[in-house]
Amino acid sequence: MRKHTLIVTLLLFAPSLRAAQAQLPGTPAAHEFSVWLTAFNSEDHGAIQHFLESDYPSHHGGIDAQMDFRRRTGGFDFKKVEESTPTRFSGLVQERGSDQFARFEIEVEAAEPHHVTKLQLEAIPRPPEFAIPRTSEHDALEALGAKLEADAAAGRFCGAVLVAKDGKPVFEKVYGLADRANKTPNKLETQFRIGSMNKMFTAVSILQLVQAGKIQLTDPLIKYLPDYPNKDLASKVTIHQLLTHTGGTGDFFGPEFDAHRLELRTLQDYVNLYGKRGAAFEPGSKWEYSNYGFLLLGVVIEKVSGESYYDYVREHVYEPAGMTATASLSEDQAVPNRSVGYMTGDDGKLQPNTDTLPYRGTSAGGGYSTVGDLLSFANALLDHKLLDAHYTELLTTGKVVARGPDKYAYGFMDRTVGGVRCFGHGGGAPGMNGELDIYPQSGYVVAALANLDPPAAQREADFIGSRLPAK
């Protein structure tokens, strides 16, 4: 609950710390917040390390995490006090590199020197009182171009962005290099890895089979996979729950994946490795993102259609949509326009993400595409070339509360951006980030792809989505 409505401006790069603190409450907790924020925004390794050692000794070894957080956010601007006592201070900040807001909480010991005992930031939806004014299409795209230029120059963006209105591009630009070793520039034709965006294609495929009467959403998994290793799980979790991340089927990334990364070559290989696990919670009781759940949906597609997952999506999703540059070929096959992904190492320097990639993308994620193909997919969906009107609406309408106010539909997020509804899905992993946002009322589609760590592409998609006209 907000206990104060004081809006203040923190002079983050003031000539002295005293000046930066002048407009904050005169409490020990607010003082420590100011010390941390000034050091954090300076991006000075020594200043941040000094704060951790002298003011936050329980986290003195957290310098790498702090530096990584600084690189990803660009620092913060202080926006508002929410609660202030001598030992506790909370409020709102905004990332300098994006429109993202966060709520911070800091707690300190009552006795001097008031060591910090808690320092936490949590991303939140942008508060209505800080709503971004929508502008004309021209002004919004001008602002996007300026932001992309600045972010590319600062190393925060490398990739492609497309904005379309009523099915036709009104903005298409690319930045940076697809292959830094060979100095190959990114192009509109560059194929970027899209991570979890594959889930949209998987969900469309499942709904096509539902529309054809070959799958029932309320059926348990075991109806389609009678030989599934864990019979208890398979008899409880339904297709609907797998599609909405409410089945309790968990993830597959982690130590086991790392140990067997290159051995997992088919969808069945994943089932052989993870299929004996039980449900993490009672199916249907809550929402928890599950890559393994969408992997299982791919296996269902194979069993019901009699085709491999890859053949099915190519014939029933990519080809009808006119997507000629989207696939999930294995990493040992040459794909001439596929970019190299670059992740930030522990030393803060970029390095190829090659050693983190799965052998092949799956129904849960890991394919590659272009911004043009993503527009083709959005157009095909809106024109009902993939599903009829009823099943398109069923596919994209939110079913369960996911993150914050956002709802998860079937392989699509359903959310409201600045009062305007949009649906789509993102994808992210080390060295890759993508976002597709479809605004059905205004007719805009935003596709952003990057061969850098998240939130490189999402940041740009959110920026333009908040500024385009509502109609």
Protein backbone atom coordinates (compact mmCIF):
# COMPACT_ATOMS: atom_id res chain seq x y z
CA MET A 1 0.00 0.00 0.00
CA ARG A 2 1.22 3.47 -0.80
CA LYS A 3 1.65 5.54 2.35
CA HIS A 4 3.14 8.61 0.75
CA THR A 5 2.56 10.32 -2.58
CA LEU A 6 5.65 12.48 -2.62
CA ILE A 7 7.20 12.54 -6.09
CA VAL A 8 10.86 13.40 -6.03
CA THR A 9 13.67 13.71 -8.48
CA LEU A 10 16.95 12.06 -7.56
CA LEU A 11 19.99 13.78 -9.02
CA LEU A 12 21.82 10.60 -9.85
CA PHE A 13 24.89 12.23 -11.30
CA ALA A 14 25.05 15.20 -8.98
CA PRO A 15 28.49 16.65 -8.20
CA SER A 16 28.38 15.15 -4.72
CA LEU A 17 26.57 12.48 -2.80
CA ARG A 18 25.15 15.14 -0.49
CA ALA A 19 23.41 16.80 -3.45
CA ALA A 20 21.97 13.47 -4.59
CA GLN A 21 20.55 12.84 -1.11
CA ALA A 22 19.09 16.30 -0.59
CA GLN A 23 15.65 15.50 -2.00
CA LEU A 24 15.23 12.14 -0.28
CA PRO A 25 13.76 11.60 3.19
CA GLY A 26 16.36 12.16 5.89
CA THR A 27 16.35 8.61 7.20
CA PRO A 28 19.11 5.98 7.43
CA ALA A 29 17.24 3.72 5.00
CA ALA A 30 16.81 6.47 2.39
CA HIS A 31 20.47 7.42 2.83
CA GLU A 32 21.61 3.86 2.09
CA PHE A 33 19.32 3.70 -0.93
CA SER A 34 20.91 6.88 -2.27
CA VAL A 35 24.41 5.54 -1.68
CA TRP A 36 23.58 2.33 -3.56
CA LEU A 37 21.81 4.06 -6.45
CA THR A 38 24.57 6.58 -7.01
CA ALA A 39 27.18 3.82 -7.07
CA PHE A 40 25.00 1.57 -9.25
CA ASN A 41 24.31 4.27 -11.82
CA SER A 42 27.98 5.18 -12.06
CA GLU A 43 28.69 1.66 -13.42
CA ASP A 44 31.98 1.92 -11.58
CA HIS A 45 33.07 -1.54 -10.48
CA GLY A 46 35.06 -0.13 -7.56
CA ALA A 47 32.19 2.05 -6.31
CA ILE A 48 29.69 -0.80 -6.41
CA GLN A 49 32.15 -3.18 -4.75
CA HIS A 50 32.83 -0.61 -2.02
CA PHE A 51 29.10 -0.28 -1.31
CA LEU A 52 28.70 -4.05 -1.04
CA GLU A 53 31.67 -4.42 1.29
CA SER A 54 31.01 -1.46 3.56
CA ASP A 55 27.21 -1.02 3.47
CA TYR A 56 25.83 -4.44 2.47
CA PRO A 57 28.39 -6.87 3.90
CA SER A 58 26.08 -9.91 3.72
CA HIS A 59 26.24 -9.52 -0.10
CA HIS A 60 29.86 -8.48 -0.46
CA GLY A 61 30.44 -11.25 -3.01
CA GLY A 62 27.60 -10.16 -5.30
CA ILE A 63 29.57 -7.79 -7.52
CA ASP A 64 29.17 -9.91 -10.69
CA ALA A 65 25.39 -10.01 -10.30
CA GLN A 66 25.27 -6.26 -9.67
CA MET A 67 27.39 -5.47 -12.74
CA ASP A 68 25.28 -7.76 -14.92
CA PHE A 69 22.11 -6.12 -13.59
CA ARG A 70 23.58 -2.70 -14.35
CA ARG A 71 24.40 -3.68 -17.92
CA ARG A 72 20.90 -5.02 -18.52
CA THR A 73 19.01 -2.06 -17.06
CA GLY A 74 21.22 0.90 -17.89
CA GLY A 75 20.71 2.16 -14.34
CA PHE A 76 17.59 3.59 -12.70
CA ASP A 77 15.87 6.94 -12.25
CA PHE A 78 14.12 7.41 -8.91
CA LYS A 79 10.43 8.21 -9.39
CA LYS A 80 8.45 7.98 -6.18
CA VAL A 81 8.46 7.27 -2.44
CA GLU A 82 5.93 4.68 -1.31
CA GLU A 83 6.95 4.01 2.30
CA SER A 84 9.54 5.63 4.53
CA THR A 85 10.58 4.76 8.10
CA PRO A 86 14.01 5.05 9.71
CA THR A 87 14.84 1.42 8.85
CA ARG A 88 12.73 0.79 5.76
CA PHE A 89 12.39 2.69 2.50
CA SER A 90 10.43 1.65 -0.60
CA GLY A 91 9.31 3.27 -3.80
CA LEU A 92 9.43 3.25 -7.58
CA VAL A 93 12.26 3.54 -10.08
CA GLN A 94 12.39 3.36 -13.86
CA GLU A 95 15.08 1.72 -15.96
CA ARG A 96 17.13 4.29 -17.82
CA GLY A 97 17.37 1.98 -20.82
CA SER A 98 13.63 1.34 -21.17
CA ASP A 99 10.12 2.17 -20.00
CA GLN A 100 10.24 -0.60 -17.39
CA PHE A 101 9.31 0.30 -13.83
CA ALA A 102 10.41 -1.53 -10.70
CA ARG A 103 9.48 -1.40 -7.05
CA PHE A 104 12.44 -1.27 -4.66
CA GLU A 105 12.62 -2.14 -0.98
CA ILE A 106 15.58 -1.49 1.27
CA GLU A 107 15.87 -2.30 4.94
CA VAL A 108 18.71 -1.37 7.28
CA GLU A 109 19.80 -2.14 10.82
CA ALA A 110 18.52 0.27 13.45
CA ALA A 111 21.95 0.74 15.00
CA GLU A 112 24.77 2.61 13.32
CA PRO A 113 26.36 2.20 10.83
CA HIS A 114 22.94 1.02 9.56
CA HIS A 115 24.13 -1.90 7.46
CA VAL A 116 21.74 -2.89 4.70
CA THR A 117 19.91 -6.15 5.48
CA LYS A 118 17.65 -6.24 2.41
CA LEU A 119 17.84 -4.65 -1.03
CA GLN A 120 15.30 -5.90 -3.54
CA LEU A 121 13.92 -4.69 -6.87
CA GLU A 122 10.94 -6.27 -8.63
CA ALA A 123 9.71 -5.39 -12.11
CA ILE A 124 6.12 -4.13 -12.15
CA PRO A 125 3.68 -2.90 -14.80
CA ARG A 126 4.01 0.80 -15.50
CA PRO A 127 1.80 2.64 -12.98
CA PRO A 128 -1.13 4.59 -14.52
CA GLU A 129 0.14 7.83 -13.02
CA PHE A 130 3.24 7.49 -15.20
CA ALA A 131 1.35 6.56 -18.35
CA ILE A 132 3.17 7.24 -21.61
CA PRO A 133 1.27 9.60 -23.92
CA ARG A 134 0.38 8.05 -27.26
CA THR A 135 1.43 10.06 -30.29
CA SER A 136 0.92 10.05 -34.03
CA GLU A 137 2.34 7.13 -35.99
CA HIS A 138 4.96 9.44 -37.50
CA ASP A 139 6.15 10.73 -34.13
CA ALA A 140 6.14 7.26 -32.57
CA LEU A 141 8.27 5.82 -35.36
CA GLU A 142 10.63 8.80 -35.24
CA ALA A 143 11.09 8.19 -31.52
CA LEU A 144 11.66 4.47 -32.14
CA GLY A 145 14.32 5.21 -34.76
CA ALA A 146 16.13 7.57 -32.40
CA LYS A 147 16.01 5.04 -29.56
CA LEU A 148 17.29 2.22 -31.77
CA GLU A 149 20.18 4.35 -32.98
CA ALA A 150 21.11 5.22 -29.41
CA ASP A 151 20.74 1.66 -28.13
CA ALA A 152 22.71 0.21 -31.03
CA ALA A 153 25.51 2.72 -30.45
CA ALA A 154 25.57 1.82 -26.74
CA GLY A 155 25.62 -1.92 -27.46
CA ARG A 156 22.13 -2.49 -26.05
CA PHE A 157 20.58 -3.53 -29.38
CA CYS A 158 21.75 -5.56 -32.34
CA GLY A 159 19.09 -6.96 -34.65
CA ALA A 160 15.99 -6.07 -36.66
CA VAL A 161 12.72 -4.29 -35.91
CA LEU A 162 9.58 -4.19 -38.05
CA VAL A 163 6.36 -2.28 -37.45
CA ALA A 164 3.35 -2.92 -39.69
CA LYS A 165 -0.05 -1.28 -40.01
CA ASP A 166 -2.95 -3.25 -41.48
CA GLY A 167 -0.59 -5.94 -42.70
CA LYS A 168 1.98 -3.72 -44.41
CA PRO A 169 5.35 -2.57 -43.02
CA VAL A 170 5.65 1.09 -42.05
CA PHE A 171 9.06 0.72 -40.36
CA GLU A 172 11.87 -1.77 -41.07
CA LYS A 173 15.41 -1.26 -39.80
CA VAL A 174 18.40 -3.39 -38.87
CA TYR A 175 21.43 -2.71 -36.74
CA GLY A 176 24.72 -4.34 -35.85
CA LEU A 177 26.44 -7.51 -36.94
CA ALA A 178 25.10 -11.00 -37.51
CA ASP A 179 28.63 -12.42 -37.25
CA ARG A 180 31.20 -10.28 -35.47
CA ALA A 181 34.17 -12.47 -36.38
CA ASN A 182 33.44 -12.09 -40.09
CA LYS A 183 31.93 -8.59 -39.79
CA THR A 184 28.72 -9.75 -41.48
CA PRO A 185 25.99 -7.11 -41.02
CA ASN A 186 22.48 -7.92 -39.92
CA LYS A 187 19.91 -7.62 -42.72
CA LEU A 188 16.15 -7.89 -42.91
CA GLU A 189 16.75 -11.40 -44.25
CA THR A 190 18.89 -12.39 -41.25
CA GLN A 191 17.43 -15.35 -39.37
CA PHE A 192 17.55 -14.81 -35.62
CA ARG A 193 17.01 -17.49 -33.01
CA ILE A 194 13.59 -16.92 -31.46
CA GLY A 195 13.61 -19.08 -28.33
CA SER A 196 10.14 -19.64 -26.89
CA MET A 197 8.37 -17.96 -29.79
CA ASN A 198 8.11 -21.50 -31.21
CA LYS A 199 5.33 -21.99 -28.66
CA MET A 200 2.99 -19.92 -30.84
CA PHE A 201 3.50 -22.32 -33.76
CA THR A 202 3.00 -25.32 -31.48
CA ALA A 203 -0.22 -23.91 -30.05
CA VAL A 204 -1.58 -23.13 -33.53
CA SER A 205 -0.82 -26.73 -34.53
CA ILE A 206 -2.66 -28.15 -31.53
CA LEU A 207 -5.68 -25.92 -32.17
CA GLN A 208 -5.70 -26.99 -35.83
CA LEU A 209 -6.00 -30.59 -34.66
CA VAL A 210 -8.71 -29.56 -32.19
CA GLN A 211 -10.56 -27.77 -34.97
CA ALA A 212 -10.30 -30.94 -37.06
CA GLY A 213 -11.80 -33.00 -34.24
CA LYS A 214 -8.63 -35.02 -33.64
CA ILE A 215 -7.84 -33.62 -30.18
CA GLN A 216 -10.06 -32.58 -27.27
CA LEU A 217 -8.69 -29.85 -25.02
CA THR A 218 -10.14 -31.53 -21.91
CA ASP A 219 -8.54 -34.90 -22.65
CA PRO A 220 -5.68 -36.12 -20.43
CA LEU A 221 -2.24 -36.51 -21.93
CA ILE A 222 -2.38 -40.28 -21.55
CA LYS A 223 -5.10 -40.54 -24.22
CA TYR A 224 -2.55 -39.49 -26.83
CA LEU A 225 0.60 -40.82 -25.16
CA PRO A 226 -0.54 -44.14 -23.60
CA ASP A 227 3.06 -45.27 -23.13
CA TYR A 228 4.13 -42.15 -21.23
CA PRO A 229 6.52 -43.23 -18.42
CA ASN A 230 4.73 -41.49 -15.52
CA LYS A 231 1.16 -42.75 -15.81
CA ASP A 232 -0.06 -40.73 -12.82
CA LEU A 233 0.98 -37.42 -14.37
CA ALA A 234 -0.24 -38.38 -17.83
CA SER A 235 -3.66 -39.38 -16.51
CA LYS A 236 -4.14 -36.06 -14.68
CA VAL A 237 -2.69 -33.28 -16.85
CA THR A 238 -4.87 -32.17 -19.76
CA ILE A 239 -4.08 -30.63 -23.15
CA HIS A 240 -5.63 -27.37 -21.93
CA GLN A 241 -3.30 -27.35 -18.92
CA LEU A 242 -0.24 -27.99 -21.06
CA LEU A 243 -1.23 -25.11 -23.35
CA THR A 244 -1.69 -22.73 -20.40
CA HIS A 245 1.33 -23.75 -18.27
CA THR A 246 -0.92 -25.01 -15.50
CA GLY A 247 -0.02 -28.71 -15.70
CA GLY A 248 2.89 -28.73 -13.24
CA THR A 249 5.16 -30.36 -15.83
CA GLY A 250 8.20 -28.22 -15.04
CA ASP A 251 11.20 -27.22 -17.09
CA PHE A 252 13.93 -29.20 -18.78
CA PHE A 253 16.73 -26.65 -18.57
CA GLY A 254 19.22 -27.24 -15.79
CA PRO A 255 22.08 -29.60 -14.91
CA GLU A 256 20.53 -32.62 -16.65
CA PHE A 257 20.01 -30.66 -19.84
CA ASP A 258 23.56 -29.31 -19.72
CA ALA A 259 24.92 -32.83 -19.30
CA HIS A 260 22.90 -34.25 -22.21
CA ARG A 261 22.48 -31.13 -24.39
CA LEU A 262 23.84 -32.59 -27.62
CA GLU A 263 22.28 -36.03 -27.05
CA LEU A 264 18.72 -34.63 -27.03
CA ARG A 265 18.04 -34.82 -30.76
CA THR A 266 14.34 -35.74 -30.95
CA LEU A 267 11.32 -34.85 -28.89
CA GLN A 268 11.17 -38.43 -27.68
CA ASP A 269 14.72 -38.09 -26.36
CA TYR A 270 13.41 -35.46 -23.92
CA VAL A 271 10.59 -37.76 -22.82
CA ASN A 272 13.07 -40.57 -22.25
CA LEU A 273 15.14 -38.30 -20.00
CA TYR A 274 12.40 -36.45 -18.10
CA GLY A 275 9.31 -38.61 -18.48
CA LYS A 276 9.49 -40.36 -15.11
CA ARG A 277 9.14 -37.11 -13.16
CA GLY A 278 5.93 -36.44 -11.31
CA ALA A 279 3.96 -33.20 -11.36
CA ALA A 280 5.50 -30.29 -9.47
CA PHE A 281 2.02 -29.34 -8.22
CA GLU A 282 -1.55 -30.48 -8.66
CA PRO A 283 -2.40 -29.94 -12.34
CA GLY A 284 -4.66 -26.94 -12.80
CA SER A 285 -3.95 -25.43 -9.38
CA LYS A 286 -1.65 -22.61 -10.51
CA TRP A 287 0.33 -21.08 -13.39
CA GLU A 288 4.02 -21.89 -13.75
CA TYR A 289 5.87 -21.55 -17.05
CA SER A 290 6.72 -25.00 -18.38
CA ASN A 291 9.00 -25.60 -21.34
CA TYR A 292 8.58 -29.34 -20.85
CA GLY A 293 4.81 -28.98 -21.13
CA PHE A 294 5.16 -27.53 -24.63
CA LEU A 295 7.71 -30.21 -25.48
CA LEU A 296 4.98 -32.74 -24.67
CA LEU A 297 2.53 -30.90 -26.92
CA GLY A 298 4.99 -31.45 -29.75
CA VAL A 299 4.97 -35.17 -29.03
CA VAL A 300 1.16 -35.12 -29.08
CA ILE A 301 1.24 -33.44 -32.51
CA GLU A 302 3.52 -36.21 -33.77
CA LYS A 303 1.31 -39.00 -32.41
CA VAL A 304 -1.97 -37.53 -33.67
CA SER A 305 -0.77 -36.34 -37.10
CA GLY A 306 1.59 -39.20 -37.87
CA GLU A 307 4.24 -36.67 -38.92
CA SER A 308 7.30 -35.32 -37.18
CA TYR A 309 6.71 -32.07 -35.36
CA TYR A 310 9.00 -30.29 -37.79
CA ASP A 311 7.18 -31.57 -40.89
CA TYR A 312 3.80 -30.71 -39.41
CA VAL A 313 4.59 -27.07 -38.60
CA ARG A 314 6.29 -26.60 -41.95
CA GLU A 315 3.30 -27.92 -43.91
CA HIS A 316 0.47 -26.57 -41.76
CA VAL A 317 1.85 -23.32 -40.31
CA TYR A 318 4.87 -21.98 -42.18
CA GLU A 319 3.77 -22.77 -45.74
CA PRO A 320 0.15 -21.54 -45.45
CA ALA A 321 1.43 -18.35 -43.80
CA GLY A 322 4.10 -17.77 -46.47
CA MET A 323 6.94 -18.10 -43.96
CA THR A 324 9.95 -19.05 -46.05
CA ALA A 325 12.76 -18.35 -43.57
CA THR A 326 11.49 -20.00 -40.39
CA ALA A 327 12.60 -23.44 -39.22
CA SER A 328 14.38 -25.40 -36.49
CA LEU A 329 17.21 -27.12 -38.32
CA SER A 330 19.89 -28.57 -36.08
CA GLU A 331 22.95 -26.57 -35.15
CA ASP A 332 25.23 -28.85 -37.20
CA GLN A 333 23.42 -27.90 -40.43
CA ALA A 334 24.49 -24.81 -42.33
CA VAL A 335 21.90 -22.04 -42.46
CA PRO A 336 23.47 -19.23 -44.52
CA ASN A 337 21.49 -16.33 -43.04
CA ARG A 338 21.35 -17.56 -39.42
CA SER A 339 23.01 -15.06 -37.10
CA VAL A 340 25.47 -15.84 -34.35
CA GLY A 341 24.07 -15.18 -30.89
CA TYR A 342 26.22 -13.15 -28.50
CA MET A 343 25.86 -13.41 -24.74
CA THR A 344 27.54 -11.41 -22.03
CA GLY A 345 30.24 -13.37 -20.21
CA ASP A 346 31.21 -13.04 -16.57
CA ASP A 347 33.81 -10.48 -17.61
CA GLY A 348 31.15 -8.31 -19.23
CA LYS A 349 32.40 -9.04 -22.75
CA LEU A 350 30.33 -10.57 -25.56
CA GLN A 351 30.98 -14.14 -26.59
CA PRO A 352 29.16 -16.58 -28.91
CA ASN A 353 26.40 -18.58 -27.23
CA THR A 354 27.29 -21.71 -29.23
CA ASP A 355 28.01 -23.89 -26.20
CA THR A 356 24.60 -23.19 -24.64
CA LEU A 357 22.41 -24.10 -27.62
CA PRO A 358 20.34 -27.28 -27.85
CA TYR A 359 21.12 -29.67 -30.69
CA ARG A 360 17.87 -28.59 -32.33
CA GLY A 361 14.92 -26.36 -31.57
CA THR A 362 11.78 -28.05 -30.27
CA SER A 363 8.07 -27.46 -29.85
CA ALA A 364 9.00 -25.49 -26.71
CA GLY A 365 11.43 -23.16 -28.47
CA GLY A 366 14.75 -22.81 -30.18
CA GLY A 367 13.90 -22.18 -33.82
CA TYR A 368 14.82 -19.17 -35.92
CA SER A 369 12.95 -16.67 -38.06
CA THR A 370 12.99 -13.18 -39.58
CA VAL A 371 10.91 -10.13 -38.72
CA GLY A 372 9.27 -10.44 -42.14
CA ASP A 373 8.23 -14.02 -41.49
CA LEU A 374 6.81 -13.06 -38.11
CA LEU A 375 4.66 -10.45 -39.85
CA SER A 376 3.52 -13.10 -42.33
CA PHE A 377 2.55 -15.32 -39.41
CA ALA A 378 0.60 -12.49 -37.74
CA ASN A 379 -1.19 -11.67 -40.99
CA ALA A 380 -2.10 -15.31 -41.60
CA LEU A 381 -3.47 -15.58 -38.08
CA LEU A 382 -5.55 -12.40 -38.39
CA ASP A 383 -6.79 -13.40 -41.87
CA HIS A 384 -7.83 -16.85 -40.54
CA LYS A 385 -5.55 -18.73 -42.91
CA LEU A 386 -4.36 -20.95 -40.05
CA LEU A 387 -7.52 -21.28 -37.93
CA ASP A 388 -11.10 -20.16 -38.34
CA ALA A 389 -12.37 -17.13 -36.43
CA HIS A 390 -13.65 -19.12 -33.45
CA TYR A 391 -10.43 -21.03 -32.89
CA THR A 392 -8.26 -17.98 -33.53
CA GLU A 393 -10.10 -16.20 -30.72
CA LEU A 394 -9.83 -19.27 -28.49
CA LEU A 395 -6.09 -19.44 -29.23
CA THR A 396 -5.32 -15.83 -28.35
CA THR A 397 -7.74 -14.97 -25.53
CA GLY A 398 -6.24 -15.09 -22.04
CA LYS A 399 -7.19 -18.05 -19.85
CA VAL A 400 -5.14 -17.75 -16.65
CA VAL A 401 -3.35 -14.92 -14.86
CA ALA A 402 0.36 -15.24 -15.57
CA ARG A 403 2.73 -12.38 -14.81
CA GLY A 404 1.20 -9.39 -13.07
CA PRO A 405 -2.01 -8.43 -14.88
CA ASP A 406 -1.01 -10.34 -18.03
CA LYS A 407 -2.92 -13.49 -18.96
CA TYR A 408 -1.73 -16.57 -20.77
CA ALA A 409 -3.87 -17.91 -23.59
CA TYR A 410 -2.79 -20.94 -25.65
CA GLY A 411 0.85 -20.27 -26.52
CA PHE A 412 0.16 -16.52 -26.54
CA MET A 413 0.34 -13.83 -23.90
CA ASP A 414 -2.78 -11.63 -23.77
CA ARG A 415 -2.05 -8.27 -22.22
CA THR A 416 -2.91 -4.59 -22.22
CA VAL A 417 -0.26 -2.01 -23.10
CA GLY A 418 -1.19 1.55 -22.21
CA GLY A 419 -4.88 0.72 -22.41
CA VAL A 420 -4.58 -1.15 -25.72
CA ARG A 421 -4.89 -4.94 -25.97
CA CYS A 422 -2.23 -7.00 -27.68
CA PHE A 423 -1.35 -10.67 -27.94
CA GLY A 424 1.83 -12.46 -28.96
CA HIS A 425 4.84 -14.13 -27.42
CA GLY A 426 8.47 -13.46 -26.73
CA GLY A 427 11.54 -15.62 -26.52
CA GLY A 428 14.82 -15.23 -24.76
CA ALA A 429 17.96 -17.07 -23.73
CA PRO A 430 21.64 -16.16 -23.61
CA GLY A 431 22.49 -14.45 -26.89
CA MET A 432 18.93 -14.29 -28.27
CA ASN A 433 15.75 -12.31 -27.76
CA GLY A 434 12.58 -11.84 -29.76
CA GLU A 435 9.10 -10.40 -29.43
CA LEU A 436 5.95 -10.45 -31.57
CA ASP A 437 3.09 -8.18 -30.49
CA ILE A 438 -0.20 -8.08 -32.39
CA TYR A 439 -2.61 -5.20 -31.70
CA PRO A 440 -5.94 -6.34 -33.18
CA GLN A 441 -7.92 -3.14 -32.60
CA SER A 442 -5.35 -0.70 -34.03
CA GLY A 443 -4.05 -2.99 -36.77
CA TYR A 444 -0.41 -2.69 -35.71
CA VAL A 445 2.06 -5.56 -35.55
CA VAL A 446 5.49 -5.20 -33.93
CA ALA A 447 8.25 -7.75 -34.52
CA ALA A 448 11.68 -7.35 -32.94
CA LEU A 449 14.58 -9.82 -33.03
CA ALA A 450 18.06 -9.52 -31.54
CA ASN A 451 21.18 -11.66 -31.32
CA LEU A 452 21.94 -10.33 -27.83
CA ASP A 453 20.79 -11.25 -24.34
CA PRO A 454 17.26 -10.32 -23.21
CA PRO A 455 15.71 -7.81 -23.01
CA ALA A 456 17.39 -6.36 -26.13
CA ALA A 457 14.41 -6.95 -28.46
CA GLN A 458 11.62 -6.84 -25.88
CA ARG A 459 12.77 -3.40 -24.77
CA GLU A 460 12.29 -1.99 -28.28
CA ALA A 461 8.95 -3.72 -28.87
CA ASP A 462 7.58 -2.39 -25.57
CA PHE A 463 8.83 1.10 -26.38
CA ILE A 464 6.99 1.41 -29.69
CA GLY A 465 3.94 -0.50 -28.47
CA SER A 466 3.37 2.08 -25.75
CA ARG A 467 3.51 5.02 -28.16
CA LEU A 468 1.68 3.99 -31.33
CA PRO A 469 -1.87 5.32 -31.82
CA ALA A 470 -4.58 3.31 -30.08
CA LYS A 471 -6.64 3.15 -33.27
